[in-house]
Amino acid sequence: MLYLTSCNYVLIHFSFWVGVFFGFFNHRNLIAFSEEGSDPYVRMYLLPDKRRSGRRKTHVSKKTLNPVFDQIFDFSVSLPEVQRRILDVAVKNSGGFLSKDKGLLGKLLIHLASEELTKGWTQWYDLTEDGTKPHVIT
């Protein structure tokens, strides 16, 4: 069982520009998945599309609990379409091919209809085990 603490945070910046929804991520105080720390990466979908072609992933940051992913991820969708979607963000531990150290570090689900997409937003969120109760950190 994975126990997440309230100090497991993700900073998300997303915006919509010229038909492309894009963003980047920053984390702080992730939980250590093993004695060596964590090898985190971010996996995201625009729900309800969970096809492999709709998945976006960052690179793996080795042995860190405060990774910064300076990568831009784009989803080519219209503004009305993206406003009907839910952004599913999961922070995971990579581990080796047959490693038992793979697993979920935390999850976040954001209903995009409630966000100012054309203005963009940058916000810290608490990660939770199932992502259903996003807590905005001010």
C-alpha atoms as a PDB file:
ATOM      1  CA  MET A   1       0.000   0.000   0.000  1.00  0.00           C
ATOM      2  CA  LEU A   2       1.273   3.463  -0.846  1.00  0.00           C
ATOM      3  CA  TYR A   3       0.927   6.161   1.776  1.00  0.00           C
ATOM      4  CA  LEU A   4       1.222   9.713   0.545  1.00  0.00           C
ATOM      5  CA  THR A   5       1.892  12.569   2.892  1.00  0.00           C
ATOM      6  CA  SER A   6       0.646  16.130   2.646  1.00  0.00           C
ATOM      7  CA  CYS A   7       4.159  17.252   1.660  1.00  0.00           C
ATOM      8  CA  ASN A   8       4.006  15.570  -1.756  1.00  0.00           C
ATOM      9  CA  TYR A   9       3.550  18.474  -4.209  1.00  0.00           C
ATOM     10  CA  VAL A  10       3.405  19.119  -7.940  1.00  0.00           C
ATOM     11  CA  LEU A  11       3.633  22.510  -9.682  1.00  0.00           C
ATOM     12  CA  ILE A  12       1.779  22.583 -12.975  1.00  0.00           C
ATOM     13  CA  HIS A  13       1.820  25.254 -15.653  1.00  0.00           C
ATOM     14  CA  PHE A  14      -0.614  24.742 -18.511  1.00  0.00           C
ATOM     15  CA  SER A  15      -2.091  26.949 -21.179  1.00  0.00           C
ATOM     16  CA  PHE A  16      -3.930  26.766 -24.479  1.00  0.00           C
ATOM     17  CA  TRP A  17      -2.419  28.539 -27.467  1.00  0.00           C
ATOM     18  CA  VAL A  18      -3.267  28.305 -31.178  1.00  0.00           C
ATOM     19  CA  GLY A  19      -4.989  24.924 -30.985  1.00  0.00           C
ATOM     20  CA  VAL A  20      -2.411  23.298 -28.711  1.00  0.00           C
ATOM     21  CA  PHE A  21      -2.802  22.579 -24.996  1.00  0.00           C
ATOM     22  CA  PHE A  22       0.677  22.437 -23.432  1.00  0.00           C
ATOM     23  CA  GLY A  23       2.459  22.480 -20.087  1.00  0.00           C
ATOM     24  CA  PHE A  24       5.401  21.693 -17.808  1.00  0.00           C
ATOM     25  CA  PHE A  25       5.913  20.256 -14.310  1.00  0.00           C
ATOM     26  CA  ASN A  26       7.987  20.807 -11.181  1.00  0.00           C
ATOM     27  CA  HIS A  27       7.863  18.765  -7.952  1.00  0.00           C
ATOM     28  CA  ARG A  28       9.023  19.140  -4.386  1.00  0.00           C
ATOM     29  CA  ASN A  29       9.197  16.848  -1.386  1.00  0.00           C
ATOM     30  CA  LEU A  30       8.221  13.670  -3.210  1.00  0.00           C
ATOM     31  CA  ILE A  31       8.186  10.550  -1.081  1.00  0.00           C
ATOM     32  CA  ALA A  32      11.206   8.259  -1.244  1.00  0.00           C
ATOM     33  CA  PHE A  33      10.119   5.047  -2.908  1.00  0.00           C
ATOM     34  CA  SER A  34      13.117   3.078  -1.615  1.00  0.00           C
ATOM     35  CA  GLU A  35      16.246   3.616   0.488  1.00  0.00           C
ATOM     36  CA  GLU A  36      17.990   5.072  -2.577  1.00  0.00           C
ATOM     37  CA  GLY A  37      15.260   7.686  -3.076  1.00  0.00           C
ATOM     38  CA  SER A  38      13.000   7.900  -6.125  1.00  0.00           C
ATOM     39  CA  ASP A  39      13.457   7.930  -9.897  1.00  0.00           C
ATOM     40  CA  PRO A  40      10.349   9.973 -10.733  1.00  0.00           C
ATOM     41  CA  TYR A  41       8.710  10.739 -14.035  1.00  0.00           C
ATOM     42  CA  VAL A  42       5.317  12.191 -14.987  1.00  0.00           C
ATOM     43  CA  ARG A  43       2.695  10.393 -17.072  1.00  0.00           C
ATOM     44  CA  MET A  44      -0.375  12.282 -18.298  1.00  0.00           C
ATOM     45  CA  TYR A  45      -3.549  11.770 -20.314  1.00  0.00           C
ATOM     46  CA  LEU A  46      -6.425  14.001 -21.364  1.00  0.00           C
ATOM     47  CA  LEU A  47      -9.308  11.811 -20.218  1.00  0.00           C
ATOM     48  CA  PRO A  48     -11.355  10.039 -21.410  1.00  0.00           C
ATOM     49  CA  ASP A  49      -8.633   9.176 -23.982  1.00  0.00           C
ATOM     50  CA  LYS A  50      -6.311   6.589 -22.387  1.00  0.00           C
ATOM     51  CA  ARG A  51      -4.889   5.214 -25.614  1.00  0.00           C
ATOM     52  CA  ARG A  52      -1.133   4.829 -25.808  1.00  0.00           C
ATOM     53  CA  SER A  53      -1.070   7.483 -28.556  1.00  0.00           C
ATOM     54  CA  GLY A  54      -2.701   9.960 -26.152  1.00  0.00           C
ATOM     55  CA  ARG A  55      -0.183   9.397 -23.364  1.00  0.00           C
ATOM     56  CA  ARG A  56       2.593  11.884 -22.638  1.00  0.00           C
ATOM     57  CA  LYS A  57       5.589  11.136 -20.401  1.00  0.00           C
ATOM     58  CA  THR A  58       8.599  13.040 -19.128  1.00  0.00           C
ATOM     59  CA  HIS A  59      12.110  11.686 -18.927  1.00  0.00           C
ATOM     60  CA  VAL A  60      13.116   9.963 -15.666  1.00  0.00           C
ATOM     61  CA  SER A  61      14.954  12.090 -13.079  1.00  0.00           C
ATOM     62  CA  LYS A  62      17.301   9.746 -11.227  1.00  0.00           C
ATOM     63  CA  LYS A  63      17.616   9.749  -7.424  1.00  0.00           C
ATOM     64  CA  THR A  64      15.769  12.969  -6.630  1.00  0.00           C
ATOM     65  CA  LEU A  65      12.781  14.010  -4.549  1.00  0.00           C
ATOM     66  CA  ASN A  66      12.607  17.507  -6.110  1.00  0.00           C
ATOM     67  CA  PRO A  67      12.659  16.997  -9.893  1.00  0.00           C
ATOM     68  CA  VAL A  68      12.081  19.704 -12.475  1.00  0.00           C
ATOM     69  CA  PHE A  69      10.826  18.587 -15.867  1.00  0.00           C
ATOM     70  CA  ASP A  70      11.563  21.400 -18.320  1.00  0.00           C
ATOM     71  CA  GLN A  71       9.772  19.683 -21.145  1.00  0.00           C
ATOM     72  CA  ILE A  72       6.850  20.952 -23.165  1.00  0.00           C
ATOM     73  CA  PHE A  73       3.984  18.553 -23.801  1.00  0.00           C
ATOM     74  CA  ASP A  74       1.344  19.271 -26.379  1.00  0.00           C
ATOM     75  CA  PHE A  75      -2.095  17.874 -27.017  1.00  0.00           C
ATOM     76  CA  SER A  76      -3.535  19.002 -30.354  1.00  0.00           C
ATOM     77  CA  VAL A  77      -7.171  19.622 -29.424  1.00  0.00           C
ATOM     78  CA  SER A  78      -9.598  22.503 -29.850  1.00  0.00           C
ATOM     79  CA  LEU A  79     -10.449  24.795 -26.936  1.00  0.00           C
ATOM     80  CA  PRO A  80     -14.070  23.547 -26.682  1.00  0.00           C
ATOM     81  CA  GLU A  81     -12.773  19.968 -26.694  1.00  0.00           C
ATOM     82  CA  VAL A  82     -10.086  20.509 -24.033  1.00  0.00           C
ATOM     83  CA  GLN A  83     -12.663  22.215 -21.791  1.00  0.00           C
ATOM     84  CA  ARG A  84     -14.607  18.927 -21.726  1.00  0.00           C
ATOM     85  CA  ARG A  85     -11.564  16.925 -20.649  1.00  0.00           C
ATOM     86  CA  ILE A  86      -9.890  15.944 -17.392  1.00  0.00           C
ATOM     87  CA  LEU A  87      -6.113  16.155 -17.096  1.00  0.00           C
ATOM     88  CA  ASP A  88      -4.870  12.930 -15.478  1.00  0.00           C
ATOM     89  CA  VAL A  89      -1.369  13.459 -14.036  1.00  0.00           C
ATOM     90  CA  ALA A  90       0.483  10.611 -12.320  1.00  0.00           C
ATOM     91  CA  VAL A  91       3.944  10.892 -10.799  1.00  0.00           C
ATOM     92  CA  LYS A  92       5.559   7.469 -10.885  1.00  0.00           C
ATOM     93  CA  ASN A  93       8.796   5.817  -9.814  1.00  0.00           C
ATOM     94  CA  SER A  94      10.617   4.253 -12.741  1.00  0.00           C
ATOM     95  CA  GLY A  95      12.578   1.320 -11.295  1.00  0.00           C
ATOM     96  CA  GLY A  96      14.268  -1.281 -13.481  1.00  0.00           C
ATOM     97  CA  PHE A  97      12.648  -3.652 -15.970  1.00  0.00           C
ATOM     98  CA  LEU A  98      11.810  -6.341 -13.388  1.00  0.00           C
ATOM     99  CA  SER A  99      12.134  -4.090 -10.351  1.00  0.00           C
ATOM    100  CA  LYS A 100       9.686  -4.176  -7.458  1.00  0.00           C
ATOM    101  CA  ASP A 101      10.457  -0.477  -6.954  1.00  0.00           C
ATOM    102  CA  LYS A 102       8.092   0.660  -9.724  1.00  0.00           C
ATOM    103  CA  GLY A 103       4.969   2.389  -8.562  1.00  0.00           C
ATOM    104  CA  LEU A 104       2.788   5.418  -8.079  1.00  0.00           C
ATOM    105  CA  LEU A 105       4.165   8.355  -6.075  1.00  0.00           C
ATOM    106  CA  GLY A 106       0.986  10.403  -6.403  1.00  0.00           C
ATOM    107  CA  LYS A 107      -1.824  11.397  -8.712  1.00  0.00           C
ATOM    108  CA  LEU A 108      -3.848  14.460  -9.646  1.00  0.00           C
ATOM    109  CA  LEU A 109      -7.051  14.855 -11.695  1.00  0.00           C
ATOM    110  CA  ILE A 110      -7.897  18.379 -12.908  1.00  0.00           C
ATOM    111  CA  HIS A 111     -11.251  19.184 -14.514  1.00  0.00           C
ATOM    112  CA  LEU A 112     -10.181  21.598 -17.244  1.00  0.00           C
ATOM    113  CA  ALA A 113     -13.609  23.235 -17.601  1.00  0.00           C
ATOM    114  CA  SER A 114     -12.879  25.114 -14.371  1.00  0.00           C
ATOM    115  CA  GLU A 115      -9.505  26.543 -15.507  1.00  0.00           C
ATOM    116  CA  GLU A 116      -8.639  29.742 -17.395  1.00  0.00           C
ATOM    117  CA  LEU A 117      -7.001  27.925 -20.283  1.00  0.00           C
ATOM    118  CA  THR A 118      -6.465  30.851 -22.638  1.00  0.00           C
ATOM    119  CA  LYS A 119      -4.755  32.860 -19.883  1.00  0.00           C
ATOM    120  CA  GLY A 120      -2.786  29.861 -18.654  1.00  0.00           C
ATOM    121  CA  TRP A 121      -2.253  28.929 -15.028  1.00  0.00           C
ATOM    122  CA  THR A 122       0.556  27.945 -12.714  1.00  0.00           C
ATOM    123  CA  GLN A 123      -0.390  26.238  -9.463  1.00  0.00           C
ATOM    124  CA  TRP A 124       1.002  23.938  -6.766  1.00  0.00           C
ATOM    125  CA  TYR A 125      -1.212  20.936  -5.974  1.00  0.00           C
ATOM    126  CA  ASP A 126      -1.088  18.185  -3.367  1.00  0.00           C
ATOM    127  CA  LEU A 127      -0.670  14.752  -4.902  1.00  0.00           C
ATOM    128  CA  THR A 128      -2.995  12.059  -3.553  1.00  0.00           C
ATOM    129  CA  GLU A 129      -3.241   8.315  -3.940  1.00  0.00           C
ATOM    130  CA  ASP A 130      -6.229   8.415  -6.305  1.00  0.00           C
ATOM    131  CA  GLY A 131      -6.073  12.035  -7.512  1.00  0.00           C
ATOM    132  CA  THR A 132      -9.737  12.720  -6.832  1.00  0.00           C
ATOM    133  CA  LYS A 133      -9.329  15.450  -4.215  1.00  0.00           C
ATOM    134  CA  PRO A 134      -6.888  17.995  -5.640  1.00  0.00           C
ATOM    135  CA  HIS A 135      -5.889  20.433  -2.942  1.00  0.00           C
ATOM    136  CA  VAL A 136      -4.580  23.731  -4.263  1.00  0.00           C
ATOM    137  CA  ILE A 137      -1.645  25.066  -2.251  1.00  0.00           C
ATOM    138  CA  THR A 138      -1.619  28.825  -1.904  1.00  0.00           C
END
